[in-house]
């Protein structure tokens, strides 16, 4: 297995067992405060996550944090499939004693107006910090939207809802994104990929600056696995950190001291150790059904032998089964190993 840690990515990216990859502490390559009034996008030292609940002209999830990793140099893009075994994002609080740690999901009904017949009070203090995928509009994509891209193709004043070019989203099995930024006024629930957790803390405690918050991605959801796989195929993995904690006051925001979270960005001058990181265990799967007849058998071995020997490849299958950049006897040996019941991941 290839283990890639901070500072050793380039040196280890050509290891022979290129299918099986363990990313450890891979620092974020893009972080962007997705807030409509952010005048210095992409270069903030810290960024906050807060809501503007049911406030006209503002999304309920008003301030979001976009995190991105360029994975193409360490995980082969364009593989037929990816076996995602674990995923973790880590960020670091940039404020002390300001927000209440909430490690539990909160129903959207707890943010309805207290006079609403469907309102149910939240049972604990604070709001969870959540991790979602990223959706795009206004012609943008993971390829075209960067740290300094415009928040929206409209001026910030007057403020408008539902216009941000990159947004926290849930996805269906075919990759269609639903923007969750206005979910309180649109009255629907959403399930994040992960809820931020702090080791050793219990709900209601207030973290201090430098405290690590981790998001262990729930890979039991097929749409989440496909979202990550799609990002790896493109070589661009993106997540959005968000919270519905009101900006100040209550219930939708207003006067009062802030109680919302804030986190260090990679431009912070305190310490590079506070930069957001990604841990990922993944196998970039080769297509062993070389002749694409729906079966994995000796016919695929014969097909591979022919291709390795310089013969025709009518299905266009990739014969570099071990992803080492060469088509040779090592690929033949791996096919034999898999046909005998062995793992595709050495």
C-alpha atoms as a PDB file:
ATOM      1  CA  UNK A   1       0.000   0.000   0.000  1.00  0.00           C
ATOM      2  CA  UNK A   2       1.185   3.503  -0.792  1.00  0.00           C
ATOM      3  CA  UNK A   3       1.175   5.801   2.251  1.00  0.00           C
ATOM      4  CA  UNK A   4       1.272   9.502   1.463  1.00  0.00           C
ATOM      5  CA  UNK A   5       1.888  11.969   4.267  1.00  0.00           C
ATOM      6  CA  UNK A   6       2.505  15.710   4.475  1.00  0.00           C
ATOM      7  CA  UNK A   7       5.786  16.560   2.763  1.00  0.00           C
ATOM      8  CA  UNK A   8       6.208  13.160   1.087  1.00  0.00           C
ATOM      9  CA  UNK A   9       3.546  13.224  -1.599  1.00  0.00           C
ATOM     10  CA  UNK A  10       5.791  13.730  -4.588  1.00  0.00           C
ATOM     11  CA  UNK A  11       8.415  11.228  -3.516  1.00  0.00           C
ATOM     12  CA  UNK A  12       5.972   8.407  -3.036  1.00  0.00           C
ATOM     13  CA  UNK A  13       3.518   9.070  -5.849  1.00  0.00           C
ATOM     14  CA  UNK A  14       5.243   6.641  -8.222  1.00  0.00           C
ATOM     15  CA  UNK A  15       5.393   3.652  -5.872  1.00  0.00           C
ATOM     16  CA  UNK A  16       4.713   0.355  -7.648  1.00  0.00           C
ATOM     17  CA  UNK A  17       1.534  -0.552  -5.789  1.00  0.00           C
ATOM     18  CA  UNK A  18      -0.174   2.453  -7.303  1.00  0.00           C
ATOM     19  CA  UNK A  19      -3.746   1.245  -6.892  1.00  0.00           C
ATOM     20  CA  UNK A  20      -3.887   1.241  -3.115  1.00  0.00           C
ATOM     21  CA  UNK A  21      -3.450   4.667  -1.628  1.00  0.00           C
ATOM     22  CA  UNK A  22      -3.437   6.017   1.895  1.00  0.00           C
ATOM     23  CA  UNK A  23      -3.442   9.803   2.006  1.00  0.00           C
ATOM     24  CA  UNK A  24      -2.453  11.146   5.412  1.00  0.00           C
ATOM     25  CA  UNK A  25      -2.554  14.804   6.434  1.00  0.00           C
ATOM     26  CA  UNK A  26      -2.753  16.044   2.850  1.00  0.00           C
ATOM     27  CA  UNK A  27      -3.000  19.812   3.213  1.00  0.00           C
ATOM     28  CA  UNK A  28      -5.810  21.619   1.461  1.00  0.00           C
ATOM     29  CA  UNK A  29      -4.866  23.228  -1.842  1.00  0.00           C
ATOM     30  CA  UNK A  30      -7.911  25.504  -2.042  1.00  0.00           C
ATOM     31  CA  UNK A  31      -9.915  27.110   0.751  1.00  0.00           C
ATOM     32  CA  UNK A  32     -12.450  29.810   0.142  1.00  0.00           C
ATOM     33  CA  UNK A  33     -14.838  31.685   2.429  1.00  0.00           C
ATOM     34  CA  UNK A  34     -18.148  31.473   0.559  1.00  0.00           C
ATOM     35  CA  UNK A  35     -19.731  34.620   1.986  1.00  0.00           C
ATOM     36  CA  UNK A  36     -21.344  37.192  -0.260  1.00  0.00           C
ATOM     37  CA  UNK A  37     -19.650  40.147   1.414  1.00  0.00           C
ATOM     38  CA  UNK A  38     -16.171  38.635   1.490  1.00  0.00           C
ATOM     39  CA  UNK A  39     -14.026  41.312  -0.158  1.00  0.00           C
ATOM     40  CA  UNK A  40     -10.814  39.225  -0.169  1.00  0.00           C
ATOM     41  CA  UNK A  41     -11.822  35.773  -1.426  1.00  0.00           C
ATOM     42  CA  UNK A  42      -9.162  33.098  -1.224  1.00  0.00           C
ATOM     43  CA  UNK A  43      -6.775  34.954   1.082  1.00  0.00           C
ATOM     44  CA  UNK A  44      -8.647  35.059   4.379  1.00  0.00           C
ATOM     45  CA  UNK A  45      -6.651  33.979   7.440  1.00  0.00           C
ATOM     46  CA  UNK A  46      -9.804  32.698   9.120  1.00  0.00           C
ATOM     47  CA  UNK A  47     -13.356  32.044   7.986  1.00  0.00           C
ATOM     48  CA  UNK A  48     -16.604  31.605   9.877  1.00  0.00           C
ATOM     49  CA  UNK A  49     -19.728  29.539   9.312  1.00  0.00           C
ATOM     50  CA  UNK A  50     -23.055  31.055  10.278  1.00  0.00           C
ATOM     51  CA  UNK A  51     -26.686  31.288   9.288  1.00  0.00           C
ATOM     52  CA  UNK A  52     -29.121  34.054   8.451  1.00  0.00           C
ATOM     53  CA  UNK A  53     -32.247  32.082   9.221  1.00  0.00           C
ATOM     54  CA  UNK A  54     -35.282  33.129   7.167  1.00  0.00           C
ATOM     55  CA  UNK A  55     -33.767  36.567   6.527  1.00  0.00           C
ATOM     56  CA  UNK A  56     -34.882  37.961   3.176  1.00  0.00           C
ATOM     57  CA  UNK A  57     -32.029  38.400   0.716  1.00  0.00           C
ATOM     58  CA  UNK A  58     -29.716  35.983   2.558  1.00  0.00           C
ATOM     59  CA  UNK A  59     -29.338  32.212   2.376  1.00  0.00           C
ATOM     60  CA  UNK A  60     -30.126  30.368   5.611  1.00  0.00           C
ATOM     61  CA  UNK A  61     -26.605  28.927   5.409  1.00  0.00           C
ATOM     62  CA  UNK A  62     -25.136  32.355   4.817  1.00  0.00           C
ATOM     63  CA  UNK A  63     -21.378  31.866   5.369  1.00  0.00           C
ATOM     64  CA  UNK A  64     -19.881  28.595   4.143  1.00  0.00           C
ATOM     65  CA  UNK A  65     -16.280  27.360   3.809  1.00  0.00           C
ATOM     66  CA  UNK A  66     -15.183  25.595   0.640  1.00  0.00           C
ATOM     67  CA  UNK A  67     -12.235  23.175   0.894  1.00  0.00           C
ATOM     68  CA  UNK A  68     -10.514  21.578  -2.088  1.00  0.00           C
ATOM     69  CA  UNK A  69      -7.765  19.082  -2.814  1.00  0.00           C
ATOM     70  CA  UNK A  70      -6.022  18.486  -6.145  1.00  0.00           C
ATOM     71  CA  UNK A  71      -5.681  14.701  -6.062  1.00  0.00           C
ATOM     72  CA  UNK A  72      -4.658  13.925  -9.645  1.00  0.00           C
ATOM     73  CA  UNK A  73      -0.938  13.715  -8.882  1.00  0.00           C
ATOM     74  CA  UNK A  74      -1.371  11.113  -6.133  1.00  0.00           C
ATOM     75  CA  UNK A  75      -4.551   9.213  -7.043  1.00  0.00           C
ATOM     76  CA  UNK A  76      -4.912   8.199 -10.658  1.00  0.00           C
ATOM     77  CA  UNK A  77      -7.728  10.233 -12.255  1.00  0.00           C
ATOM     78  CA  UNK A  78     -10.097   8.582 -14.692  1.00  0.00           C
ATOM     79  CA  UNK A  79      -9.956   5.093 -13.168  1.00  0.00           C
ATOM     80  CA  UNK A  80     -13.004   2.906 -13.959  1.00  0.00           C
ATOM     81  CA  UNK A  81     -13.980   2.919 -10.287  1.00  0.00           C
ATOM     82  CA  UNK A  82     -12.714   3.730  -6.813  1.00  0.00           C
ATOM     83  CA  UNK A  83     -13.131   1.734  -3.643  1.00  0.00           C
ATOM     84  CA  UNK A  84     -13.396   4.392  -0.923  1.00  0.00           C
ATOM     85  CA  UNK A  85     -12.603   2.780   2.424  1.00  0.00           C
ATOM     86  CA  UNK A  86     -12.374   5.811   4.709  1.00  0.00           C
ATOM     87  CA  UNK A  87     -12.325   9.579   4.492  1.00  0.00           C
ATOM     88  CA  UNK A  88     -11.621  12.272   7.073  1.00  0.00           C
ATOM     89  CA  UNK A  89     -11.393  16.057   6.863  1.00  0.00           C
ATOM     90  CA  UNK A  90      -9.793  17.991   9.739  1.00  0.00           C
ATOM     91  CA  UNK A  91     -10.084  21.729  10.417  1.00  0.00           C
ATOM     92  CA  UNK A  92      -8.977  23.886  13.352  1.00  0.00           C
ATOM     93  CA  UNK A  93     -10.958  26.398  15.404  1.00  0.00           C
ATOM     94  CA  UNK A  94      -9.659  29.968  15.189  1.00  0.00           C
ATOM     95  CA  UNK A  95     -11.753  31.319  18.089  1.00  0.00           C
ATOM     96  CA  UNK A  96     -11.845  30.548  21.798  1.00  0.00           C
ATOM     97  CA  UNK A  97     -14.844  30.116  24.068  1.00  0.00           C
ATOM     98  CA  UNK A  98     -17.239  31.442  21.437  1.00  0.00           C
ATOM     99  CA  UNK A  99     -19.389  28.621  20.105  1.00  0.00           C
ATOM    100  CA  UNK A 100     -21.026  25.629  21.711  1.00  0.00           C
ATOM    101  CA  UNK A 101     -19.797  22.265  20.459  1.00  0.00           C
ATOM    102  CA  UNK A 102     -22.749  20.226  19.180  1.00  0.00           C
ATOM    103  CA  UNK A 103     -21.896  16.719  17.905  1.00  0.00           C
ATOM    104  CA  UNK A 104     -25.519  15.761  17.171  1.00  0.00           C
ATOM    105  CA  UNK A 105     -27.741  16.370  14.135  1.00  0.00           C
ATOM    106  CA  UNK A 106     -30.418  19.061  14.478  1.00  0.00           C
ATOM    107  CA  UNK A 107     -33.724  18.861  12.664  1.00  0.00           C
ATOM    108  CA  UNK A 108     -34.600  21.769  10.434  1.00  0.00           C
ATOM    109  CA  UNK A 109     -37.883  22.176  12.371  1.00  0.00           C
ATOM    110  CA  UNK A 110     -35.877  23.414  15.358  1.00  0.00           C
ATOM    111  CA  UNK A 111     -35.073  26.508  13.280  1.00  0.00           C
ATOM    112  CA  UNK A 112     -38.655  27.295  12.338  1.00  0.00           C
ATOM    113  CA  UNK A 113     -40.320  30.287  13.932  1.00  0.00           C
ATOM    114  CA  UNK A 114     -41.422  29.397  17.447  1.00  0.00           C
ATOM    115  CA  UNK A 115     -45.026  30.165  16.443  1.00  0.00           C
ATOM    116  CA  UNK A 116     -44.890  27.658  13.572  1.00  0.00           C
ATOM    117  CA  UNK A 117     -47.057  24.608  14.351  1.00  0.00           C
ATOM    118  CA  UNK A 118     -44.230  22.305  13.207  1.00  0.00           C
ATOM    119  CA  UNK A 119     -41.587  23.947  15.402  1.00  0.00           C
ATOM    120  CA  UNK A 120     -39.771  21.661  17.843  1.00  0.00           C
ATOM    121  CA  UNK A 121     -37.140  23.145  20.162  1.00  0.00           C
ATOM    122  CA  UNK A 122     -33.552  21.966  19.882  1.00  0.00           C
ATOM    123  CA  UNK A 123     -32.676  19.742  22.843  1.00  0.00           C
ATOM    124  CA  UNK A 124     -29.073  20.913  23.265  1.00  0.00           C
ATOM    125  CA  UNK A 125     -27.033  24.115  22.895  1.00  0.00           C
ATOM    126  CA  UNK A 126     -25.349  25.084  19.658  1.00  0.00           C
ATOM    127  CA  UNK A 127     -25.657  23.851  16.104  1.00  0.00           C
ATOM    128  CA  UNK A 128     -23.522  21.134  14.504  1.00  0.00           C
ATOM    129  CA  UNK A 129     -20.778  22.012  12.044  1.00  0.00           C
ATOM    130  CA  UNK A 130     -21.452  19.851   8.992  1.00  0.00           C
ATOM    131  CA  UNK A 131     -19.628  18.617   5.906  1.00  0.00           C
ATOM    132  CA  UNK A 132     -21.362  18.463   2.515  1.00  0.00           C
ATOM    133  CA  UNK A 133     -20.403  18.113  -1.100  1.00  0.00           C
ATOM    134  CA  UNK A 134     -20.228  21.136  -3.407  1.00  0.00           C
ATOM    135  CA  UNK A 135     -22.673  21.974  -6.169  1.00  0.00           C
ATOM    136  CA  UNK A 136     -22.320  24.690  -8.794  1.00  0.00           C
ATOM    137  CA  UNK A 137     -24.435  27.055 -10.875  1.00  0.00           C
ATOM    138  CA  UNK A 138     -23.885  30.039 -13.156  1.00  0.00           C
ATOM    139  CA  UNK A 139     -21.830  27.886 -15.534  1.00  0.00           C
ATOM    140  CA  UNK A 140     -19.246  27.046 -12.868  1.00  0.00           C
ATOM    141  CA  UNK A 141     -17.720  23.652 -12.004  1.00  0.00           C
ATOM    142  CA  UNK A 142     -14.945  22.211  -9.853  1.00  0.00           C
ATOM    143  CA  UNK A 143     -12.599  22.937 -12.747  1.00  0.00           C
ATOM    144  CA  UNK A 144     -13.573  26.573 -13.265  1.00  0.00           C
ATOM    145  CA  UNK A 145     -14.427  27.762  -9.750  1.00  0.00           C
ATOM    146  CA  UNK A 146     -11.331  28.734  -7.759  1.00  0.00           C
ATOM    147  CA  UNK A 147     -10.330  30.609  -4.636  1.00  0.00           C
ATOM    148  CA  UNK A 148     -10.695  34.025  -6.243  1.00  0.00           C
ATOM    149  CA  UNK A 149     -13.759  33.345  -8.389  1.00  0.00           C
ATOM    150  CA  UNK A 150     -16.697  35.686  -7.923  1.00  0.00           C
ATOM    151  CA  UNK A 151     -19.235  34.642  -5.303  1.00  0.00           C
ATOM    152  CA  UNK A 152     -21.964  35.178  -7.920  1.00  0.00           C
ATOM    153  CA  UNK A 153     -22.256  36.962 -11.284  1.00  0.00           C
ATOM    154  CA  UNK A 154     -24.216  39.715  -9.521  1.00  0.00           C
ATOM    155  CA  UNK A 155     -23.171  42.650  -7.324  1.00  0.00           C
ATOM    156  CA  UNK A 156     -23.438  41.966  -3.559  1.00  0.00           C
ATOM    157  CA  UNK A 157     -25.963  44.766  -3.085  1.00  0.00           C
ATOM    158  CA  UNK A 158     -28.814  44.390  -2.827  1.00  0.00           C
ATOM    159  CA  UNK A 159     -28.278  40.916  -1.285  1.00  0.00           C
ATOM    160  CA  UNK A 160     -30.036  38.064  -3.076  1.00  0.00           C
ATOM    161  CA  UNK A 161     -30.841  34.496  -2.137  1.00  0.00           C
ATOM    162  CA  UNK A 162     -29.854  31.386  -4.064  1.00  0.00           C
ATOM    163  CA  UNK A 163     -27.291  33.019  -6.347  1.00  0.00           C
ATOM    164  CA  UNK A 164     -23.932  31.745  -5.024  1.00  0.00           C
ATOM    165  CA  UNK A 165     -21.946  29.966  -7.731  1.00  0.00           C
ATOM    166  CA  UNK A 166     -20.704  27.217  -5.362  1.00  0.00           C
ATOM    167  CA  UNK A 167     -22.926  25.894  -2.607  1.00  0.00           C
ATOM    168  CA  UNK A 168     -23.290  23.170   0.006  1.00  0.00           C
ATOM    169  CA  UNK A 169     -25.292  20.377  -1.597  1.00  0.00           C
ATOM    170  CA  UNK A 170     -26.713  16.907  -1.241  1.00  0.00           C
ATOM    171  CA  UNK A 171     -26.540  14.596  -4.235  1.00  0.00           C
ATOM    172  CA  UNK A 172     -28.652  11.825  -5.666  1.00  0.00           C
ATOM    173  CA  UNK A 173     -27.235   8.616  -7.122  1.00  0.00           C
ATOM    174  CA  UNK A 174     -26.756  10.176 -10.557  1.00  0.00           C
ATOM    175  CA  UNK A 175     -24.820  13.165  -9.235  1.00  0.00           C
ATOM    176  CA  UNK A 176     -27.583  15.774  -9.374  1.00  0.00           C
ATOM    177  CA  UNK A 177     -27.045  18.454  -6.721  1.00  0.00           C
ATOM    178  CA  UNK A 178     -29.663  20.024  -4.452  1.00  0.00           C
ATOM    179  CA  UNK A 179     -28.633  23.327  -2.886  1.00  0.00           C
ATOM    180  CA  UNK A 180     -29.263  23.176   0.879  1.00  0.00           C
ATOM    181  CA  UNK A 181     -28.401  26.834   1.497  1.00  0.00           C
ATOM    182  CA  UNK A 182     -32.070  27.834   1.935  1.00  0.00           C
ATOM    183  CA  UNK A 183     -33.403  24.662   3.473  1.00  0.00           C
ATOM    184  CA  UNK A 184     -35.073  26.341   6.463  1.00  0.00           C
ATOM    185  CA  UNK A 185     -37.352  28.564   4.384  1.00  0.00           C
ATOM    186  CA  UNK A 186     -37.791  25.745   1.859  1.00  0.00           C
ATOM    187  CA  UNK A 187     -38.628  23.397   4.753  1.00  0.00           C
ATOM    188  CA  UNK A 188     -36.657  20.248   3.972  1.00  0.00           C
ATOM    189  CA  UNK A 189     -34.226  18.077   5.919  1.00  0.00           C
ATOM    190  CA  UNK A 190     -30.721  17.258   4.738  1.00  0.00           C
ATOM    191  CA  UNK A 191     -28.167  14.684   5.828  1.00  0.00           C
ATOM    192  CA  UNK A 192     -24.520  15.776   5.834  1.00  0.00           C
ATOM    193  CA  UNK A 193     -21.628  13.575   4.807  1.00  0.00           C
ATOM    194  CA  UNK A 194     -20.264  14.083   8.314  1.00  0.00           C
ATOM    195  CA  UNK A 195     -20.766  16.087  11.498  1.00  0.00           C
ATOM    196  CA  UNK A 196     -17.722  17.749  13.028  1.00  0.00           C
ATOM    197  CA  UNK A 197     -16.457  16.035  16.170  1.00  0.00           C
ATOM    198  CA  UNK A 198     -13.867  17.066  18.745  1.00  0.00           C
ATOM    199  CA  UNK A 199     -11.989  14.340  20.586  1.00  0.00           C
ATOM    200  CA  UNK A 200     -12.498  14.428  24.348  1.00  0.00           C
ATOM    201  CA  UNK A 201     -15.268  17.035  24.209  1.00  0.00           C
ATOM    202  CA  UNK A 202     -18.896  16.642  25.200  1.00  0.00           C
ATOM    203  CA  UNK A 203     -21.815  18.605  23.806  1.00  0.00           C
ATOM    204  CA  UNK A 204     -22.139  22.117  25.178  1.00  0.00           C
ATOM    205  CA  UNK A 205     -18.412  22.705  25.746  1.00  0.00           C
ATOM    206  CA  UNK A 206     -16.679  25.648  24.098  1.00  0.00           C
ATOM    207  CA  UNK A 207     -13.465  24.833  22.194  1.00  0.00           C
ATOM    208  CA  UNK A 208     -10.446  27.122  22.167  1.00  0.00           C
ATOM    209  CA  UNK A 209      -8.411  28.312  19.205  1.00  0.00           C
ATOM    210  CA  UNK A 210      -6.306  25.530  17.689  1.00  0.00           C
ATOM    211  CA  UNK A 211      -8.764  22.768  18.630  1.00  0.00           C
ATOM    212  CA  UNK A 212      -9.033  20.140  15.893  1.00  0.00           C
ATOM    213  CA  UNK A 213     -12.475  19.263  14.550  1.00  0.00           C
ATOM    214  CA  UNK A 214     -12.710  16.104  12.441  1.00  0.00           C
ATOM    215  CA  UNK A 215     -15.304  14.988   9.922  1.00  0.00           C
ATOM    216  CA  UNK A 216     -15.374  11.222   9.358  1.00  0.00           C
ATOM    217  CA  UNK A 217     -17.295  10.768   6.123  1.00  0.00           C
ATOM    218  CA  UNK A 218     -20.254   8.364   6.247  1.00  0.00           C
ATOM    219  CA  UNK A 219     -19.464   5.999   3.393  1.00  0.00           C
ATOM    220  CA  UNK A 220     -22.583   3.880   3.884  1.00  0.00           C
ATOM    221  CA  UNK A 221     -24.354   6.273   1.501  1.00  0.00           C
ATOM    222  CA  UNK A 222     -23.920   5.318  -2.156  1.00  0.00           C
ATOM    223  CA  UNK A 223     -24.384   8.914  -3.332  1.00  0.00           C
ATOM    224  CA  UNK A 224     -21.539  10.064  -1.064  1.00  0.00           C
ATOM    225  CA  UNK A 225     -19.227   7.343  -2.387  1.00  0.00           C
ATOM    226  CA  UNK A 226     -20.090   8.318  -5.946  1.00  0.00           C
ATOM    227  CA  UNK A 227     -19.495  12.006  -5.193  1.00  0.00           C
ATOM    228  CA  UNK A 228     -15.995  11.268  -3.898  1.00  0.00           C
ATOM    229  CA  UNK A 229     -15.307   8.905  -6.798  1.00  0.00           C
ATOM    230  CA  UNK A 230     -16.370  11.564  -9.274  1.00  0.00           C
ATOM    231  CA  UNK A 231     -14.003  14.042  -7.646  1.00  0.00           C
ATOM    232  CA  UNK A 232     -11.141  11.546  -7.845  1.00  0.00           C
ATOM    233  CA  UNK A 233     -11.896  10.824 -11.492  1.00  0.00           C
ATOM    234  CA  UNK A 234     -11.594  14.572 -12.147  1.00  0.00           C
ATOM    235  CA  UNK A 235      -8.590  14.945  -9.826  1.00  0.00           C
ATOM    236  CA  UNK A 236     -10.469  17.628  -7.856  1.00  0.00           C
ATOM    237  CA  UNK A 237     -12.110  16.743  -4.546  1.00  0.00           C
ATOM    238  CA  UNK A 238     -14.250  19.489  -2.982  1.00  0.00           C
ATOM    239  CA  UNK A 239     -16.196  19.776   0.282  1.00  0.00           C
ATOM    240  CA  UNK A 240     -18.209  22.528   1.984  1.00  0.00           C
ATOM    241  CA  UNK A 241     -18.175  23.175   5.738  1.00  0.00           C
ATOM    242  CA  UNK A 242     -21.310  24.868   7.003  1.00  0.00           C
ATOM    243  CA  UNK A 243     -23.428  25.522  10.075  1.00  0.00           C
ATOM    244  CA  UNK A 244     -26.872  26.931  10.790  1.00  0.00           C
ATOM    245  CA  UNK A 245     -25.746  28.699  13.971  1.00  0.00           C
ATOM    246  CA  UNK A 246     -27.279  32.210  13.608  1.00  0.00           C
ATOM    247  CA  UNK A 247     -24.835  35.028  12.941  1.00  0.00           C
ATOM    248  CA  UNK A 248     -25.740  36.712  16.237  1.00  0.00           C
ATOM    249  CA  UNK A 249     -28.720  37.180  18.470  1.00  0.00           C
ATOM    250  CA  UNK A 250     -31.701  35.022  17.719  1.00  0.00           C
ATOM    251  CA  UNK A 251     -33.494  33.240  16.383  1.00  0.00           C
ATOM    252  CA  UNK A 252     -32.500  34.251  12.847  1.00  0.00           C
ATOM    253  CA  UNK A 253     -29.737  36.699  13.696  1.00  0.00           C
ATOM    254  CA  UNK A 254     -29.523  40.233  14.916  1.00  0.00           C
ATOM    255  CA  UNK A 255     -27.896  41.993  17.828  1.00  0.00           C
ATOM    256  CA  UNK A 256     -25.775  40.283  20.453  1.00  0.00           C
ATOM    257  CA  UNK A 257     -22.381  38.634  20.802  1.00  0.00           C
ATOM    258  CA  UNK A 258     -21.471  36.098  18.096  1.00  0.00           C
ATOM    259  CA  UNK A 259     -21.790  32.415  18.962  1.00  0.00           C
ATOM    260  CA  UNK A 260     -20.864  30.948  15.589  1.00  0.00           C
ATOM    261  CA  UNK A 261     -17.741  28.888  14.729  1.00  0.00           C
ATOM    262  CA  UNK A 262     -14.705  30.132  12.837  1.00  0.00           C
ATOM    263  CA  UNK A 263     -11.722  28.189  11.504  1.00  0.00           C
ATOM    264  CA  UNK A 264      -8.170  28.799  10.338  1.00  0.00           C
ATOM    265  CA  UNK A 265      -7.538  28.953   6.596  1.00  0.00           C
ATOM    266  CA  UNK A 266      -4.279  27.997   4.911  1.00  0.00           C
ATOM    267  CA  UNK A 267      -3.268  31.664   4.716  1.00  0.00           C
ATOM    268  CA  UNK A 268      -3.173  31.987   8.505  1.00  0.00           C
ATOM    269  CA  UNK A 269       0.116  33.242   9.986  1.00  0.00           C
ATOM    270  CA  UNK A 270      -0.244  31.401  13.303  1.00  0.00           C
ATOM    271  CA  UNK A 271       0.923  27.970  12.164  1.00  0.00           C
ATOM    272  CA  UNK A 272       0.855  25.797   9.019  1.00  0.00           C
ATOM    273  CA  UNK A 273      -0.225  23.001  11.351  1.00  0.00           C
ATOM    274  CA  UNK A 274      -3.689  24.602  11.459  1.00  0.00           C
ATOM    275  CA  UNK A 275      -4.262  24.113   7.731  1.00  0.00           C
ATOM    276  CA  UNK A 276      -7.203  21.837   6.851  1.00  0.00           C
ATOM    277  CA  UNK A 277      -6.160  18.292   5.934  1.00  0.00           C
ATOM    278  CA  UNK A 278      -7.549  15.221   4.205  1.00  0.00           C
ATOM    279  CA  UNK A 279      -7.050  11.561   5.131  1.00  0.00           C
ATOM    280  CA  UNK A 280      -8.291   9.083   2.543  1.00  0.00           C
ATOM    281  CA  UNK A 281      -8.011   5.320   2.115  1.00  0.00           C
ATOM    282  CA  UNK A 282      -8.867   4.421  -1.468  1.00  0.00           C
ATOM    283  CA  UNK A 283      -8.191   1.844  -4.143  1.00  0.00           C
ATOM    284  CA  UNK A 284      -8.248   3.079  -7.735  1.00  0.00           C
ATOM    285  CA  UNK A 285      -9.749  -0.011  -9.369  1.00  0.00           C
ATOM    286  CA  UNK A 286      -8.551  -1.251 -12.737  1.00  0.00           C
ATOM    287  CA  UNK A 287     -11.022  -2.889 -15.127  1.00  0.00           C
ATOM    288  CA  UNK A 288     -10.056  -6.552 -15.024  1.00  0.00           C
ATOM    289  CA  UNK A 289     -12.913  -7.564 -17.328  1.00  0.00           C
ATOM    290  CA  UNK A 290     -10.688  -6.748 -20.263  1.00  0.00           C
ATOM    291  CA  UNK A 291     -12.966  -8.095 -22.982  1.00  0.00           C
ATOM    292  CA  UNK A 292     -16.002  -6.524 -21.307  1.00  0.00           C
ATOM    293  CA  UNK A 293     -18.197  -9.615 -21.578  1.00  0.00           C
ATOM    294  CA  UNK A 294     -19.455  -9.298 -17.996  1.00  0.00           C
ATOM    295  CA  UNK A 295     -17.267 -12.114 -16.663  1.00  0.00           C
ATOM    296  CA  UNK A 296     -13.863 -12.219 -15.020  1.00  0.00           C
ATOM    297  CA  UNK A 297     -12.189 -15.354 -16.346  1.00  0.00           C
ATOM    298  CA  UNK A 298      -9.370 -16.837 -18.426  1.00  0.00           C
ATOM    299  CA  UNK A 299     -10.615 -15.029 -21.512  1.00  0.00           C
ATOM    300  CA  UNK A 300      -9.585 -11.756 -19.859  1.00  0.00           C
ATOM    301  CA  UNK A 301      -6.135 -13.163 -19.176  1.00  0.00           C
ATOM    302  CA  UNK A 302      -5.775 -14.179 -22.816  1.00  0.00           C
ATOM    303  CA  UNK A 303      -6.965 -10.740 -23.879  1.00  0.00           C
ATOM    304  CA  UNK A 304      -4.367  -9.091 -21.650  1.00  0.00           C
ATOM    305  CA  UNK A 305      -1.562 -11.337 -22.913  1.00  0.00           C
ATOM    306  CA  UNK A 306      -2.448 -10.333 -26.445  1.00  0.00           C
ATOM    307  CA  UNK A 307      -2.425  -6.613 -25.604  1.00  0.00           C
ATOM    308  CA  UNK A 308       0.831  -6.836 -23.628  1.00  0.00           C
ATOM    309  CA  UNK A 309       2.319  -8.571 -26.660  1.00  0.00           C
ATOM    310  CA  UNK A 310       1.360  -5.671 -28.882  1.00  0.00           C
ATOM    311  CA  UNK A 311      -1.917  -7.092 -30.224  1.00  0.00           C
ATOM    312  CA  UNK A 312      -5.200  -5.299 -30.873  1.00  0.00           C
ATOM    313  CA  UNK A 313      -7.301  -3.848 -28.059  1.00  0.00           C
ATOM    314  CA  UNK A 314     -10.812  -3.540 -29.538  1.00  0.00           C
ATOM    315  CA  UNK A 315     -12.548  -2.758 -26.198  1.00  0.00           C
ATOM    316  CA  UNK A 316     -10.091   0.005 -25.368  1.00  0.00           C
ATOM    317  CA  UNK A 317      -9.439  -1.549 -21.934  1.00  0.00           C
ATOM    318  CA  UNK A 318      -6.509  -0.159 -19.963  1.00  0.00           C
ATOM    319  CA  UNK A 319      -3.908  -2.939 -19.642  1.00  0.00           C
ATOM    320  CA  UNK A 320      -1.865  -1.029 -17.016  1.00  0.00           C
ATOM    321  CA  UNK A 321      -3.577  -2.921 -14.208  1.00  0.00           C
ATOM    322  CA  UNK A 322      -1.131  -1.966 -11.458  1.00  0.00           C
ATOM    323  CA  UNK A 323      -1.094   1.712 -12.495  1.00  0.00           C
ATOM    324  CA  UNK A 324       2.705   1.919 -12.571  1.00  0.00           C
ATOM    325  CA  UNK A 325       2.813   3.616 -15.974  1.00  0.00           C
ATOM    326  CA  UNK A 326       4.040   0.510 -17.819  1.00  0.00           C
ATOM    327  CA  UNK A 327       2.293  -2.336 -19.637  1.00  0.00           C
ATOM    328  CA  UNK A 328       4.361  -5.409 -18.897  1.00  0.00           C
ATOM    329  CA  UNK A 329       4.596  -8.772 -17.133  1.00  0.00           C
ATOM    330  CA  UNK A 330       3.693  -7.166 -13.794  1.00  0.00           C
ATOM    331  CA  UNK A 331       0.191  -6.527 -15.133  1.00  0.00           C
ATOM    332  CA  UNK A 332      -0.025 -10.157 -16.256  1.00  0.00           C
ATOM    333  CA  UNK A 333       1.029 -11.320 -12.773  1.00  0.00           C
ATOM    334  CA  UNK A 334      -1.603  -9.129 -11.128  1.00  0.00           C
ATOM    335  CA  UNK A 335      -4.333 -10.519 -13.417  1.00  0.00           C
ATOM    336  CA  UNK A 336      -3.304 -14.086 -12.509  1.00  0.00           C
ATOM    337  CA  UNK A 337      -3.403 -13.114  -8.825  1.00  0.00           C
ATOM    338  CA  UNK A 338      -6.915 -11.666  -9.107  1.00  0.00           C
ATOM    339  CA  UNK A 339      -8.237 -14.629 -11.114  1.00  0.00           C
ATOM    340  CA  UNK A 340      -6.970 -16.912  -8.349  1.00  0.00           C
ATOM    341  CA  UNK A 341      -9.111 -14.992  -5.844  1.00  0.00           C
ATOM    342  CA  UNK A 342      -6.504 -12.531  -4.644  1.00  0.00           C
ATOM    343  CA  UNK A 343      -7.021  -8.860  -3.914  1.00  0.00           C
ATOM    344  CA  UNK A 344      -6.526  -6.271  -6.627  1.00  0.00           C
ATOM    345  CA  UNK A 345      -4.757  -4.257  -3.956  1.00  0.00           C
ATOM    346  CA  UNK A 346      -1.356  -5.826  -3.211  1.00  0.00           C
END
